[in-house]
Amino acid sequence: MAGRVNESRVVSLLGATGSVGRSTLDVIERHPERFSLAAVTARSSVGELAAICARHRPRLAAIADPAREAELTEALRHQSPDTRVMSGEAGLAEAATLDGVDTVMAAIVGAAGLAPTLAAVRAGRRVLLANKEALVMAGDVFMDAVRRSGAFLMPIDSEHNAVFQCLGAGGGAGVARIVLTASGGPFLRRDLDDLDAVTPDEACAHPIWDMGRKISVDSATLMNKGLELIEAHWLFGVASERLDVVIHPQSIVHSLVHYTDGSVLAQLGNPDMRVPVAHALAHPERVESGVRPLDLAALGSLEFESPDLQRFPCLRLAREALESERTAPAVLNAANEEAVAAFLAGRLRFPEIPAVIGEVLERCETWDASDLDAVMAADAAGRRLATERIGARGRG
């Protein structure tokens, strides 16, 4: 189902203006004979989306915010007049399932990416999954859709793409344990008593990766790694007790797979999202990504340590949600999105992010996660409770 690159792949890029979207565009532009762009989407960045359309002349451009559709239409009138413009959920769904597209890069951040990514899967597309929330919220529903449609699913998160490469042709045979690495973010060595005064700009100043603000905060709390544990469970069919996280500040080793014979395979590379993007776009072949070669001698040493759950309680909360085997992961994700948004807006202190999430998980009812309606109800309930808890803290 993966196909061959020399047949030329036609790509729909969901989330073209984010960090993964920009990495994808860079790789595509390095190989115009191999990849062409048929559809692009953005949440609200009209100017950046219009510039992309001017370079690539896609058949479709969709803006998630319906209020910006007229602005995008006007911007493309001269820059890319043959590009059709749509907006809202219908526009995102059309981009995900556009006729003639064989590869969909699902790079929309957050719960907003679930519906279009699921639409691409149900259409049987080759789906390159950077939107971890699709599996965190609705892993059971999502993977069932993959099986039913025959869609080819390839992970883009550097950790899961690394695991995919380490598993190789053997798939999951003989796997004893999967270990995801985490940089530890900007506060790995910061005194715990000082975290109360952390500002949004400090939380977003990641020492290694260049990411959007929401994902940067998730990395600072290690919620990003908690969500990735849940994602790994669904992608690779591995139970929670066989999934681990290790702190690796250099972000050179992206993941490790332990086998029952004592072997450990690791995937290494410089921390640049163009590596997993190029791997996924070209699979099963390899293409140049634009990333400089890794020089281990220049690095000298690599460091690893166990995560401190007192410093990173979000990691514990995510594992507990995974082990519930109900809609708790959807609640976790919803509460986290609301808490992070409140922190970025100055309405919540940094240590209150996990506190709000924990309170929501304690109070929110959960349901059978095999029903998409139940997943969406859990998402809505988690957001309502998170908003209440954030408001209560503000009043306190």
Protein backbone atom coordinates (compact mmCIF):
# COMPACT_ATOMS: atom_id res chain seq x y z
CA MET A 1 0.00 0.00 0.00
CA ALA A 2 2.97 2.35 0.59
CA GLY A 3 3.71 2.65 -3.14
CA ARG A 4 6.86 3.86 -4.84
CA VAL A 5 8.20 7.39 -4.78
CA ASN A 6 9.26 7.34 -8.43
CA GLU A 7 5.57 7.26 -9.36
CA SER A 8 5.35 10.83 -7.90
CA ARG A 9 3.19 11.45 -4.86
CA VAL A 10 0.38 13.97 -4.70
CA VAL A 11 0.20 15.53 -1.23
CA SER A 12 -2.48 17.26 0.81
CA LEU A 13 -0.91 19.24 3.65
CA LEU A 14 -3.23 19.78 6.62
CA GLY A 15 -1.68 22.43 8.85
CA ALA A 16 0.64 23.99 6.28
CA THR A 17 1.67 27.00 8.37
CA GLY A 18 2.76 25.15 11.53
CA SER A 19 6.25 23.84 12.30
CA VAL A 20 5.64 20.40 10.76
CA GLY A 21 3.91 22.03 7.80
CA ARG A 22 6.91 24.24 7.14
CA SER A 23 9.26 21.24 7.38
CA THR A 24 7.06 19.36 4.93
CA LEU A 25 7.12 22.24 2.46
CA ASP A 26 10.90 22.39 2.69
CA VAL A 27 11.27 18.70 1.83
CA ILE A 28 8.71 18.89 -0.99
CA GLU A 29 10.46 21.89 -2.50
CA ARG A 30 13.76 19.97 -2.52
CA HIS A 31 12.16 17.21 -4.61
CA PRO A 32 9.66 18.74 -7.06
CA GLU A 33 10.02 15.73 -9.36
CA ARG A 34 8.84 13.41 -6.57
CA PHE A 35 6.17 15.36 -4.70
CA SER A 36 3.46 17.81 -5.71
CA LEU A 37 1.09 19.76 -3.48
CA ALA A 38 -2.63 19.51 -4.30
CA ALA A 39 -4.24 20.95 -1.16
CA VAL A 40 -3.17 23.07 1.80
CA THR A 41 -4.92 24.22 4.97
CA ALA A 42 -4.29 26.64 7.81
CA ARG A 43 -6.18 27.72 10.91
CA SER A 44 -6.16 31.48 10.32
CA SER A 45 -2.83 32.56 8.77
CA VAL A 46 -4.13 33.97 5.49
CA GLY A 47 -0.92 35.70 4.42
CA GLU A 48 1.30 32.67 4.93
CA LEU A 49 -1.19 30.33 3.29
CA ALA A 50 -1.50 32.65 0.29
CA ALA A 51 2.30 32.73 -0.08
CA ILE A 52 2.38 28.93 -0.09
CA CYS A 53 -0.29 28.86 -2.76
CA ALA A 54 1.65 31.36 -4.87
CA ARG A 55 4.66 29.01 -4.84
CA HIS A 56 2.86 25.69 -5.32
CA ARG A 57 -0.44 26.54 -7.05
CA PRO A 58 -2.49 23.83 -5.27
CA ARG A 59 -5.97 22.95 -6.46
CA LEU A 60 -7.49 23.70 -3.05
CA ALA A 61 -6.74 26.00 -0.11
CA ALA A 62 -8.87 25.72 3.04
CA ILE A 63 -8.88 28.10 5.99
CA ALA A 64 -10.32 26.67 9.22
CA ASP A 65 -11.75 30.03 10.31
CA PRO A 66 -14.80 30.71 8.07
CA ALA A 67 -14.53 34.42 8.83
CA ARG A 68 -11.23 34.51 6.90
CA GLU A 69 -12.49 32.81 3.70
CA ALA A 70 -13.24 36.05 1.83
CA GLU A 71 -9.84 37.44 2.78
CA LEU A 72 -8.09 34.31 1.48
CA THR A 73 -10.13 34.40 -1.73
CA GLU A 74 -9.06 37.99 -2.34
CA ALA A 75 -5.42 37.21 -1.53
CA LEU A 76 -5.36 34.36 -4.07
CA ARG A 77 -7.17 36.28 -6.81
CA HIS A 78 -3.85 37.33 -8.32
CA GLN A 79 -1.34 35.03 -6.56
CA SER A 80 -2.98 31.70 -7.40
CA PRO A 81 -6.24 32.34 -9.31
CA ASP A 82 -6.91 28.67 -10.13
CA THR A 83 -6.84 27.61 -6.48
CA ARG A 84 -10.30 26.86 -5.11
CA VAL A 85 -10.98 28.30 -1.64
CA MET A 86 -13.04 26.67 1.11
CA SER A 87 -13.32 27.12 4.87
CA GLY A 88 -14.45 25.51 8.10
CA GLU A 89 -14.89 21.81 8.76
CA ALA A 90 -16.14 21.18 5.22
CA GLY A 91 -13.00 22.75 3.78
CA LEU A 92 -10.69 20.70 5.97
CA ALA A 93 -12.56 17.50 5.11
CA GLU A 94 -12.38 18.29 1.39
CA ALA A 95 -8.63 18.86 1.63
CA ALA A 96 -8.23 15.54 3.45
CA THR A 97 -10.12 13.56 0.82
CA LEU A 98 -9.47 15.49 -2.39
CA ASP A 99 -9.63 13.36 -5.54
CA GLY A 100 -6.21 12.50 -6.88
CA VAL A 101 -4.42 12.93 -3.55
CA ASP A 102 -2.60 9.81 -2.41
CA THR A 103 -0.70 11.19 0.61
CA VAL A 104 -2.13 13.32 3.44
CA MET A 105 0.21 15.02 5.90
CA ALA A 106 -1.97 15.42 9.01
CA ALA A 107 -0.22 18.23 10.87
CA ILE A 108 -3.12 20.17 12.44
CA VAL A 109 -2.39 20.71 16.14
CA GLY A 110 -4.87 19.61 18.79
CA ALA A 111 -8.37 18.17 18.78
CA ALA A 112 -9.20 20.21 15.67
CA GLY A 113 -7.16 17.73 13.65
CA LEU A 114 -9.22 14.66 14.56
CA ALA A 115 -12.10 15.01 12.07
CA PRO A 116 -10.07 15.73 8.90
CA THR A 117 -7.44 13.12 9.77
CA LEU A 118 -10.13 10.52 10.38
CA ALA A 119 -11.72 11.51 7.06
CA ALA A 120 -8.40 10.88 5.28
CA VAL A 121 -8.10 7.47 6.93
CA ARG A 122 -11.65 6.48 6.01
CA ALA A 123 -10.91 7.49 2.41
CA GLY A 124 -8.05 4.98 2.42
CA ARG A 125 -5.32 7.54 1.91
CA ARG A 126 -1.67 7.24 2.80
CA VAL A 127 -1.77 9.20 6.08
CA LEU A 128 1.36 10.71 7.60
CA LEU A 129 0.29 11.35 11.18
CA ALA A 130 1.73 14.35 13.01
CA ASN A 131 -1.53 15.06 14.86
CA LYS A 132 -1.05 12.89 17.95
CA GLU A 133 -4.37 14.04 19.42
CA ALA A 134 -6.27 11.95 16.86
CA LEU A 135 -4.98 8.79 18.52
CA VAL A 136 -4.98 10.20 22.05
CA MET A 137 -8.66 11.11 21.82
CA ALA A 138 -10.02 8.31 19.66
CA GLY A 139 -7.37 5.60 19.32
CA ASP A 140 -9.85 2.73 19.24
CA VAL A 141 -12.08 4.38 16.63
CA PHE A 142 -9.11 5.62 14.60
CA MET A 143 -7.25 2.31 14.37
CA ASP A 144 -10.49 0.48 13.57
CA ALA A 145 -10.96 2.90 10.65
CA VAL A 146 -7.38 2.20 9.49
CA ARG A 147 -8.08 -1.54 9.46
CA ARG A 148 -11.41 -1.18 7.68
CA SER A 149 -10.21 1.21 4.97
CA GLY A 150 -6.77 -0.25 4.35
CA ALA A 151 -5.19 3.17 4.83
CA PHE A 152 -1.39 3.22 5.20
CA LEU A 153 -0.48 4.97 8.46
CA MET A 154 2.99 6.41 9.05
CA PRO A 155 3.94 8.33 12.23
CA ILE A 156 5.65 11.73 11.93
CA ASP A 157 6.43 12.54 15.57
CA SER A 158 10.19 12.07 15.74
CA GLU A 159 9.83 9.49 18.53
CA HIS A 160 7.23 7.33 16.83
CA ASN A 161 8.88 7.60 13.45
CA ALA A 162 12.06 6.43 15.17
CA VAL A 163 10.23 3.42 16.63
CA PHE A 164 8.79 2.62 13.20
CA GLN A 165 12.30 2.57 11.77
CA CYS A 166 13.65 0.43 14.63
CA LEU A 167 10.87 -2.14 14.21
CA GLY A 168 11.81 -2.62 10.56
CA ALA A 169 10.47 -5.56 8.56
CA GLY A 170 9.87 -7.59 11.73
CA GLY A 171 7.03 -5.35 12.88
CA GLY A 172 6.37 -5.99 16.55
CA ALA A 173 7.94 -9.46 16.70
CA GLY A 174 10.08 -10.00 19.80
CA VAL A 175 9.56 -6.50 21.21
CA ALA A 176 10.01 -6.36 24.97
CA ARG A 177 9.80 -2.62 25.56
CA ILE A 178 9.57 0.68 23.70
CA VAL A 179 11.32 3.72 25.16
CA LEU A 180 10.49 7.25 24.03
CA THR A 181 13.07 9.96 24.67
CA ALA A 182 12.27 13.45 25.98
CA SER A 183 14.54 16.47 26.06
CA GLY A 184 13.13 17.59 29.40
CA GLY A 185 12.26 21.02 28.03
CA PRO A 186 13.46 24.39 29.36
CA PHE A 187 12.87 23.66 33.07
CA LEU A 188 14.68 20.35 33.48
CA ARG A 189 17.18 21.86 35.94
CA ARG A 190 15.11 24.75 37.27
CA ASP A 191 14.33 24.84 40.99
CA LEU A 192 10.80 23.57 41.57
CA ASP A 193 10.04 26.56 43.80
CA ASP A 194 10.74 28.88 40.87
CA LEU A 195 8.22 27.30 38.50
CA ASP A 196 5.39 29.36 39.96
CA ALA A 197 6.87 32.48 38.32
CA VAL A 198 7.44 30.96 34.86
CA THR A 199 6.20 33.15 32.00
CA PRO A 200 4.68 31.91 28.73
CA ASP A 201 7.71 33.15 26.80
CA GLU A 202 10.04 31.18 29.07
CA ALA A 203 7.93 28.04 28.66
CA CYS A 204 7.97 28.43 24.89
CA ALA A 205 11.77 28.87 24.70
CA HIS A 206 12.58 25.22 24.00
CA PRO A 207 16.33 24.53 24.16
CA ILE A 208 16.35 22.15 21.17
CA TRP A 209 13.20 22.10 19.04
CA ASP A 210 11.50 24.93 17.16
CA MET A 211 7.78 24.34 17.77
CA GLY A 212 4.52 26.23 18.12
CA ARG A 213 3.59 27.73 21.48
CA LYS A 214 1.07 25.10 22.54
CA ILE A 215 3.41 22.18 21.81
CA SER A 216 6.30 24.04 23.44
CA VAL A 217 4.33 24.35 26.68
CA ASP A 218 3.42 20.65 26.43
CA SER A 219 7.12 19.89 26.15
CA ALA A 220 7.86 22.03 29.22
CA THR A 221 5.28 20.12 31.30
CA LEU A 222 6.19 16.79 29.62
CA MET A 223 2.53 16.39 28.67
CA ASN A 224 3.78 16.08 25.11
CA LYS A 225 5.52 12.87 26.13
CA GLY A 226 2.47 11.67 28.01
CA LEU A 227 0.35 12.12 24.89
CA GLU A 228 3.04 10.29 22.92
CA LEU A 229 2.83 7.31 25.31
CA ILE A 230 -0.87 7.03 24.48
CA GLU A 231 -0.13 7.45 20.77
CA ALA A 232 2.54 4.72 20.90
CA HIS A 233 0.10 2.34 22.57
CA TRP A 234 -2.27 2.60 19.60
CA LEU A 235 0.32 2.79 16.84
CA PHE A 236 2.35 -0.22 17.91
CA GLY A 237 -0.14 -2.26 19.95
CA VAL A 238 2.03 -2.15 23.09
CA ALA A 239 0.55 -2.12 26.60
CA SER A 240 1.29 0.72 29.02
CA GLU A 241 3.61 -1.39 31.17
CA ARG A 242 5.91 -1.94 28.16
CA LEU A 243 6.15 1.76 27.33
CA ASP A 244 8.74 3.96 29.03
CA VAL A 245 10.13 7.48 28.84
CA VAL A 246 13.74 8.52 29.40
CA ILE A 247 15.09 12.06 29.60
CA HIS A 248 17.74 12.71 26.94
CA PRO A 249 18.60 16.43 26.84
CA GLN A 250 20.55 16.34 23.55
CA SER A 251 17.57 14.94 21.56
CA ILE A 252 19.89 12.88 19.35
CA VAL A 253 18.46 9.43 20.19
CA HIS A 254 14.80 9.72 19.26
CA SER A 255 13.54 6.37 20.57
CA LEU A 256 14.72 2.88 21.46
CA VAL A 257 13.20 -0.56 21.02
CA HIS A 258 14.24 -3.34 23.41
CA TYR A 259 13.91 -6.90 22.12
CA THR A 260 13.47 -10.12 24.05
CA ASP A 261 16.93 -11.37 23.01
CA GLY A 262 18.60 -8.44 24.77
CA SER A 263 19.13 -6.34 21.65
CA VAL A 264 18.30 -2.64 21.73
CA LEU A 265 17.81 -0.71 18.49
CA ALA A 266 17.87 3.07 18.52
CA GLN A 267 17.31 5.68 15.83
CA LEU A 268 19.63 8.69 15.95
CA GLY A 269 19.69 11.97 14.08
CA ASN A 270 20.05 15.70 14.53
CA PRO A 271 16.88 17.21 16.06
CA ASP A 272 15.13 18.47 12.93
CA MET A 273 11.58 17.53 11.90
CA ARG A 274 12.65 17.33 8.27
CA VAL A 275 14.22 13.93 9.04
CA PRO A 276 10.98 12.09 9.95
CA VAL A 277 9.05 14.10 7.34
CA ALA A 278 11.44 13.08 4.55
CA HIS A 279 11.41 9.48 5.76
CA ALA A 280 7.63 9.31 5.75
CA LEU A 281 7.12 11.13 2.45
CA ALA A 282 9.58 8.89 0.62
CA HIS A 283 9.03 5.55 2.39
CA PRO A 284 10.09 2.88 1.49
CA GLU A 285 12.84 4.87 -0.24
CA ARG A 286 15.07 7.56 1.23
CA VAL A 287 15.53 11.15 0.02
CA GLU A 288 17.76 14.01 1.09
CA SER A 289 16.10 16.10 3.83
CA GLY A 290 18.36 19.14 4.03
CA VAL A 291 19.49 18.21 7.56
CA ARG A 292 23.22 18.25 8.33
CA PRO A 293 24.84 14.84 9.01
CA LEU A 294 25.15 13.68 12.61
CA ASP A 295 28.69 13.90 14.02
CA LEU A 296 28.87 11.74 17.16
CA ALA A 297 32.55 12.47 17.72
CA ALA A 298 31.80 16.20 17.86
CA LEU A 299 29.02 15.56 20.38
CA GLY A 300 31.35 13.59 22.63
CA SER A 301 28.71 12.16 24.96
CA LEU A 302 24.99 11.52 25.32
CA GLU A 303 23.10 11.80 28.60
CA PHE A 304 20.08 9.86 29.86
CA GLU A 305 18.09 9.95 33.10
CA SER A 306 14.71 8.87 34.45
CA PRO A 307 11.97 11.50 34.51
CA ASP A 308 11.12 13.05 37.88
CA LEU A 309 7.34 12.70 38.28
CA GLN A 310 7.30 15.40 40.97
CA ARG A 311 8.69 17.82 38.40
CA PHE A 312 6.57 16.39 35.57
CA PRO A 313 3.20 15.24 37.01
CA CYS A 314 1.59 15.43 33.55
CA LEU A 315 3.48 12.28 32.59
CA ARG A 316 1.84 10.39 35.46
CA LEU A 317 -1.60 11.78 34.60
CA ALA A 318 -1.27 10.67 30.98
CA ARG A 319 -0.25 7.15 31.93
CA GLU A 320 -3.18 6.88 34.35
CA ALA A 321 -5.55 8.05 31.61
CA LEU A 322 -4.16 5.45 29.20
CA GLU A 323 -4.58 2.67 31.75
CA SER A 324 -8.24 3.58 32.33
CA GLU A 325 -9.13 2.06 28.91
CA ARG A 326 -12.08 4.46 28.58
CA THR A 327 -12.47 8.05 27.33
CA ALA A 328 -10.10 9.43 29.98
CA PRO A 329 -7.42 10.23 27.33
CA ALA A 330 -9.92 12.46 25.51
CA VAL A 331 -10.69 14.22 28.79
CA LEU A 332 -6.96 14.56 29.52
CA ASN A 333 -6.31 16.13 26.13
CA ALA A 334 -9.27 18.52 26.40
CA ALA A 335 -8.30 19.68 29.88
CA ASN A 336 -4.70 20.14 28.80
CA GLU A 337 -5.64 22.24 25.76
CA GLU A 338 -7.80 24.51 27.89
CA ALA A 339 -5.22 24.79 30.68
CA VAL A 340 -2.36 25.56 28.29
CA ALA A 341 -4.47 28.19 26.50
CA ALA A 342 -5.25 29.80 29.86
CA PHE A 343 -1.56 29.79 30.83
CA LEU A 344 -0.55 31.36 27.52
CA ALA A 345 -3.24 34.02 28.05
CA GLY A 346 -1.91 34.82 31.53
CA ARG A 347 -4.93 33.40 33.37
CA LEU A 348 -3.18 30.38 34.91
CA ARG A 349 0.20 29.83 36.53
CA PHE A 350 2.52 27.18 35.10
CA PRO A 351 2.23 24.65 38.00
CA GLU A 352 -1.55 24.98 37.83
CA ILE A 353 -1.64 23.30 34.40
CA PRO A 354 -1.26 19.75 35.81
CA ALA A 355 -3.34 20.70 38.84
CA VAL A 356 -6.32 21.63 36.64
CA ILE A 357 -5.90 18.50 34.52
CA GLY A 358 -5.81 16.28 37.62
CA GLU A 359 -8.95 17.91 39.02
CA VAL A 360 -10.79 17.41 35.73
CA LEU A 361 -9.79 13.75 35.49
CA GLU A 362 -11.05 13.17 39.03
CA ARG A 363 -14.42 14.78 38.36
CA CYS A 364 -15.21 13.91 34.75
CA GLU A 365 -17.33 10.92 33.84
CA THR A 366 -15.86 8.56 31.21
CA TRP A 367 -17.45 6.24 28.69
CA ASP A 368 -16.64 3.41 26.29
CA ALA A 369 -13.94 4.77 23.97
CA SER A 370 -15.00 2.66 20.97
CA ASP A 371 -17.84 5.11 20.21
CA LEU A 372 -16.87 8.36 18.48
CA ASP A 373 -19.90 10.20 19.89
CA ALA A 374 -18.78 9.22 23.40
CA VAL A 375 -15.25 10.46 22.63
CA MET A 376 -16.58 13.83 21.50
CA ALA A 377 -18.88 14.05 24.53
CA ALA A 378 -15.88 13.35 26.79
CA ASP A 379 -13.91 16.07 24.98
CA ALA A 380 -16.71 18.58 25.53
CA ALA A 381 -17.17 17.59 29.18
CA GLY A 382 -13.44 17.86 29.82
CA ARG A 383 -13.37 21.36 28.35
CA ARG A 384 -16.37 22.49 30.41
CA LEU A 385 -14.85 21.21 33.64
CA ALA A 386 -11.44 22.66 32.82
CA THR A 387 -12.98 26.07 32.14
CA GLU A 388 -14.79 25.88 35.47
CA ARG A 389 -11.65 24.90 37.37
CA ILE A 390 -9.58 27.62 35.69
CA GLY A 391 -12.24 30.19 36.56
CA ALA A 392 -12.40 29.00 40.16
CA ARG A 393 -8.63 29.41 40.53
CA GLY A 394 -8.80 32.88 39.04
CA ARG A 395 -11.48 33.88 41.54
CA GLY A 396 -9.43 32.43 44.36
